[in-house]
Protein backbone atom coordinates (compact mmCIF):
# COMPACT_ATOMS: atom_id res chain seq x y z
CA MET A 1 21.17 14.92 29.65
CA SER A 2 21.32 12.07 27.13
CA GLU A 3 23.65 12.58 24.19
CA LYS A 4 21.87 13.54 20.98
CA ILE A 5 22.23 10.72 18.50
CA LEU A 6 23.35 12.91 15.58
CA GLU A 7 25.62 15.19 17.64
CA GLY A 8 28.49 16.51 15.50
CA LYS A 9 26.95 15.31 12.23
CA VAL A 10 26.14 17.47 9.21
CA ALA A 11 23.16 16.68 6.97
CA ILE A 12 21.84 17.94 3.66
CA VAL A 13 18.09 17.40 3.26
CA THR A 14 16.86 18.23 -0.24
CA GLY A 15 13.38 19.63 -0.71
CA SER A 16 13.14 20.47 2.99
CA SER A 17 11.11 23.68 2.95
CA ARG A 18 7.90 21.70 3.60
CA GLY A 19 6.30 18.29 4.05
CA ILE A 20 8.41 15.23 4.79
CA GLY A 21 11.67 17.09 4.08
CA ARG A 22 10.88 19.72 6.68
CA ALA A 23 10.00 17.07 9.26
CA VAL A 24 13.29 15.27 8.56
CA ALA A 25 15.36 18.48 8.78
CA GLU A 26 13.75 19.47 12.08
CA ARG A 27 14.08 15.98 13.57
CA PHE A 28 17.75 15.75 12.59
CA ALA A 29 18.45 19.20 14.07
CA ALA A 30 16.62 18.30 17.30
CA ASN A 31 18.95 15.32 17.55
CA GLY A 32 22.13 17.38 17.20
CA ALA A 33 22.81 17.54 13.45
CA LYS A 34 23.68 20.74 11.63
CA VAL A 35 21.37 20.88 8.63
CA ALA A 36 21.47 22.38 5.14
CA VAL A 37 17.83 23.12 4.30
CA ASN A 38 17.41 22.96 0.52
CA TRP A 39 14.67 24.58 -1.53
CA VAL A 40 14.07 25.51 -5.15
CA ARG A 41 11.14 27.93 -4.98
CA GLY A 42 10.02 28.05 -1.34
CA GLU A 43 12.48 30.59 0.03
CA ARG A 44 10.06 31.95 2.63
CA GLU A 45 9.12 28.44 3.82
CA ALA A 46 12.80 27.41 4.00
CA LYS A 47 13.58 30.50 6.07
CA GLY A 48 10.80 29.40 8.44
CA VAL A 49 12.44 25.97 8.82
CA VAL A 50 15.88 27.49 9.44
CA ASP A 51 14.45 29.98 11.96
CA ALA A 52 12.60 27.20 13.80
CA ILE A 53 15.78 25.11 14.01
CA ASN A 54 17.91 28.05 15.19
CA LYS A 55 15.28 29.07 17.74
CA ALA A 56 15.30 25.54 19.16
CA GLY A 57 19.08 25.78 19.66
CA GLY A 58 20.14 23.99 16.49
CA GLU A 59 22.13 25.19 13.51
CA ALA A 60 20.83 25.36 9.94
CA LEU A 61 21.68 26.84 6.56
CA SER A 62 19.24 27.73 3.77
CA VAL A 63 20.46 26.71 0.29
CA GLN A 64 18.66 27.19 -3.01
CA CYS A 65 19.32 24.41 -5.51
CA ASP A 66 17.48 22.68 -8.32
CA VAL A 67 18.71 19.13 -7.74
CA SER A 68 18.27 18.25 -11.42
CA LYS A 69 21.07 20.69 -12.35
CA SER A 70 24.62 19.55 -11.59
CA ALA A 71 25.97 23.12 -11.29
CA ASP A 72 23.33 23.88 -8.63
CA VAL A 73 24.15 20.66 -6.77
CA ARG A 74 27.87 21.50 -6.73
CA LYS A 75 27.08 24.94 -5.25
CA MET A 76 24.84 23.43 -2.56
CA VAL A 77 27.49 20.93 -1.50
CA ARG A 78 30.19 23.61 -1.54
CA ALA A 79 28.04 25.97 0.57
CA THR A 80 27.48 23.19 3.12
CA ILE A 81 31.19 22.36 3.32
CA ASP A 82 32.11 26.05 3.57
CA ARG A 83 29.72 26.51 6.47
CA PHE A 84 29.99 23.21 8.38
CA GLY A 85 33.25 21.62 7.18
CA ARG A 86 31.89 18.14 6.41
CA ILE A 87 28.87 16.16 5.19
CA ASP A 88 27.80 13.01 7.02
CA ILE A 89 24.23 12.48 5.85
CA LEU A 90 22.42 13.17 2.58
CA VAL A 91 18.65 12.80 2.38
CA ASN A 92 17.47 12.83 -1.24
CA ASN A 93 13.94 13.99 -0.53
CA ALA A 94 13.21 16.56 -3.27
CA GLY A 95 10.41 15.26 -5.45
CA VAL A 96 7.60 16.20 -7.81
CA MET A 97 4.44 14.39 -8.89
CA VAL A 98 2.33 15.07 -11.97
CA SER A 99 -1.25 13.93 -11.35
CA LYS A 100 -2.15 12.91 -14.90
CA SER A 101 -2.96 9.62 -16.59
CA VAL A 102 -0.36 8.02 -18.84
CA LEU A 103 -2.13 9.27 -21.99
CA ASP A 104 -2.56 12.83 -20.69
CA ALA A 105 0.96 13.39 -19.34
CA THR A 106 3.37 15.18 -21.67
CA GLU A 107 7.00 14.60 -22.53
CA GLU A 108 7.81 17.65 -20.37
CA ASP A 109 5.95 16.06 -17.43
CA TRP A 110 8.02 12.90 -17.88
CA ASP A 111 11.32 14.78 -18.14
CA ARG A 112 10.70 16.95 -15.08
CA THR A 113 9.60 14.01 -12.91
CA ILE A 114 12.56 11.81 -13.84
CA ASP A 115 14.98 14.76 -13.64
CA VAL A 116 14.00 15.75 -10.10
CA ASN A 117 13.05 12.42 -8.52
CA LEU A 118 15.72 10.18 -10.02
CA LYS A 119 18.48 12.17 -11.69
CA GLY A 120 18.46 14.63 -8.76
CA ALA A 121 19.17 11.86 -6.26
CA TYR A 122 21.92 10.53 -8.53
CA LEU A 123 23.59 13.95 -8.93
CA CYS A 124 23.45 14.79 -5.21
CA SER A 125 24.79 11.36 -4.22
CA LYS A 126 27.59 11.54 -6.76
CA GLU A 127 28.62 14.97 -5.45
CA VAL A 128 28.72 14.02 -1.76
CA ALA A 129 30.15 10.50 -2.18
CA PRO A 130 33.83 11.56 -2.60
CA ILE A 131 33.55 13.67 0.57
CA MET A 132 32.04 10.78 2.53
CA LEU A 133 34.62 8.32 1.14
CA GLU A 134 37.40 10.63 2.26
CA GLN A 135 35.82 10.76 5.73
CA LYS A 136 35.46 6.95 5.57
CA ALA A 137 31.86 7.35 6.71
CA GLY A 138 28.55 8.59 5.37
CA LYS A 139 24.88 7.82 5.02
CA ILE A 140 22.66 8.41 2.00
CA ILE A 141 18.91 8.09 2.45
CA ASN A 142 16.65 8.19 -0.62
CA MET A 143 13.01 9.17 -0.16
CA SER A 144 11.28 6.72 -2.46
CA SER A 145 7.62 5.70 -2.31
CA ASN A 146 5.28 2.78 -1.96
CA SER A 147 4.42 3.68 -5.57
CA GLY A 148 7.74 2.16 -6.67
CA LEU A 149 6.81 -1.25 -5.24
CA TYR A 150 4.24 -2.31 -7.81
CA HIS A 151 0.99 -2.81 -6.01
CA PRO A 152 -1.98 -1.78 -8.12
CA SER A 153 -3.62 1.26 -6.52
CA ALA A 154 -0.27 2.97 -5.86
CA MET A 155 0.57 2.89 -9.56
CA ARG A 156 -1.71 5.64 -10.80
CA PHE A 157 0.84 8.10 -12.17
CA THR A 158 3.29 6.51 -14.56
CA GLU A 159 6.19 9.00 -14.43
CA TYR A 160 6.14 9.05 -10.63
CA VAL A 161 6.04 5.25 -10.34
CA VAL A 162 8.92 4.87 -12.82
CA SER A 163 11.00 7.52 -11.03
CA LYS A 164 10.54 5.81 -7.65
CA ALA A 165 11.13 2.29 -8.98
CA GLY A 166 14.31 3.70 -10.52
CA LEU A 167 15.25 5.27 -7.19
CA ASN A 168 14.92 1.86 -5.54
CA GLY A 169 17.30 0.44 -8.13
CA LEU A 170 19.69 3.36 -7.67
CA THR A 171 19.66 2.72 -3.90
CA LYS A 172 20.83 -0.87 -4.32
CA ALA A 173 23.37 -0.09 -7.05
CA MET A 174 24.92 2.74 -5.01
CA ALA A 175 24.95 0.65 -1.83
CA LEU A 176 27.11 -1.86 -3.65
CA ALA A 177 29.31 0.77 -5.31
CA LEU A 178 29.89 2.93 -2.23
CA GLY A 179 30.48 0.31 0.48
CA PRO A 180 32.16 -0.33 2.82
CA HIS A 181 32.24 3.24 4.12
CA ILE A 182 28.88 4.63 2.93
CA THR A 183 25.48 3.11 3.57
CA VAL A 184 22.68 3.79 1.07
CA ASN A 185 19.07 3.02 1.94
CA ALA A 186 15.61 4.15 0.83
CA ILE A 187 12.40 4.88 2.67
CA CYS A 188 9.16 4.00 0.87
CA PRO A 189 6.37 6.04 2.50
CA GLY A 190 2.76 5.14 1.90
CA TRP A 191 -0.19 7.50 2.26
CA ILE A 192 1.34 10.49 4.04
CA LYS A 193 -0.63 13.70 4.66
CA THR A 194 1.39 16.38 2.82
CA GLU A 195 0.77 19.20 0.35
CA MET A 196 1.85 16.91 -2.51
CA ILE A 197 -1.34 14.85 -2.40
CA GLU A 198 -3.84 17.60 -1.61
CA GLY A 199 -6.84 17.42 -3.92
CA THR A 200 -6.87 13.61 -4.20
CA ASP A 201 -10.21 12.24 -5.38
CA PRO A 202 -12.18 11.29 -2.20
CA GLU A 203 -13.07 7.90 -3.73
CA VAL A 204 -9.39 7.10 -4.33
CA GLU A 205 -8.59 8.30 -0.81
CA LYS A 206 -11.25 5.98 0.63
CA ARG A 207 -9.92 3.01 -1.32
CA ILE A 208 -6.35 3.66 -0.19
CA LEU A 209 -7.37 3.85 3.47
CA GLN A 210 -9.34 0.61 3.09
CA GLU A 211 -6.24 -1.22 1.88
CA THR A 212 -4.03 0.24 4.65
CA ALA A 213 -3.86 -2.08 7.67
CA LEU A 214 -3.68 0.83 10.12
CA ALA A 215 -6.62 2.54 8.32
CA ARG A 216 -5.21 6.06 8.54
CA TRP A 217 -2.85 8.52 6.93
CA GLY A 218 0.77 8.59 8.02
CA THR A 219 2.41 11.83 9.13
CA PRO A 220 5.64 13.47 7.96
CA ASP A 221 6.93 12.99 11.54
CA GLU A 222 6.52 9.23 11.27
CA VAL A 223 8.65 9.20 8.13
CA ALA A 224 11.20 11.46 9.86
CA GLY A 225 11.52 8.86 12.62
CA ALA A 226 12.50 6.23 10.05
CA ALA A 227 15.03 8.64 8.51
CA LEU A 228 16.53 9.34 11.94
CA PHE A 229 16.97 5.61 12.51
CA LEU A 230 18.73 5.13 9.14
CA ALA A 231 20.95 8.14 9.85
CA SER A 232 21.93 6.85 13.30
CA LYS A 233 24.60 4.40 14.46
CA ASP A 234 21.85 1.84 15.04
CA ALA A 235 21.63 1.40 11.26
CA ASP A 236 25.38 1.08 10.60
CA PHE A 237 25.02 -2.50 9.31
CA ILE A 238 22.02 -1.79 7.09
CA THR A 239 22.58 -0.90 3.43
CA GLY A 240 20.81 -1.40 0.11
CA GLU A 241 17.47 -1.77 1.89
CA LEU A 242 14.00 -0.33 1.29
CA LEU A 243 12.27 0.59 4.56
CA ILE A 244 8.52 0.66 3.98
CA VAL A 245 6.66 3.18 6.16
CA ALA A 246 3.12 2.69 4.90
CA GLY A 247 0.88 1.48 7.71
CA GLY A 248 0.59 -1.92 6.06
CA ARG A 249 -0.72 -0.56 2.78
CA GLY A 250 -0.73 -3.07 -0.04
CA MET A 251 -0.59 -6.19 2.14
CA HIS A 252 -4.10 -7.24 1.18
């Protein structure tokens, strides 16, 4: 039997009760990691993820935490350490998107989007970094978006675009600040079939697929594969990078 590539590692995956986060949590667990499955409202869904991991012979913990609140983040990290004794990988995946034009979105929409998508990643990283530095090893993976890379049709929702562009900047700044022991990278998914983009205007959908070289949606599993690579030893010399998983969207 080949050794699982994350054997002995402990990962926190924020926002992992569904979508890309769930796929990442399950892929990490299948490859030997013990996983803290984080949720803010989806307790039932998170329990489903934990049960699926345990049933498959893995080990997982369900932790409620609003990543935009530092007290919640501290509790989540403490619960993970209490249960598993260490933290090797953090995936900042929790995210929200408000589907409104710049003139229709409210100040509350802006605050919530920036708080979860950007401040949340900052708070979680800041909380785990001392633990990883003490271990002299750690990997932080930020789930950004093609929307943070400035090509026209991805830039429909201002708050979301700003939060993801900021996350790309945070990735590079933290990579510099936390080396040499911690690597910090981001994944920029393109058009991925998840609950977050249900109800997209069919015309917009058609246009996006036309500008995607592979002419199809991506799947959460395909993003999870990229996260597994960045979490593995194979990516030990990669830091401060943005890995685009978008089927060639935005190249033409």
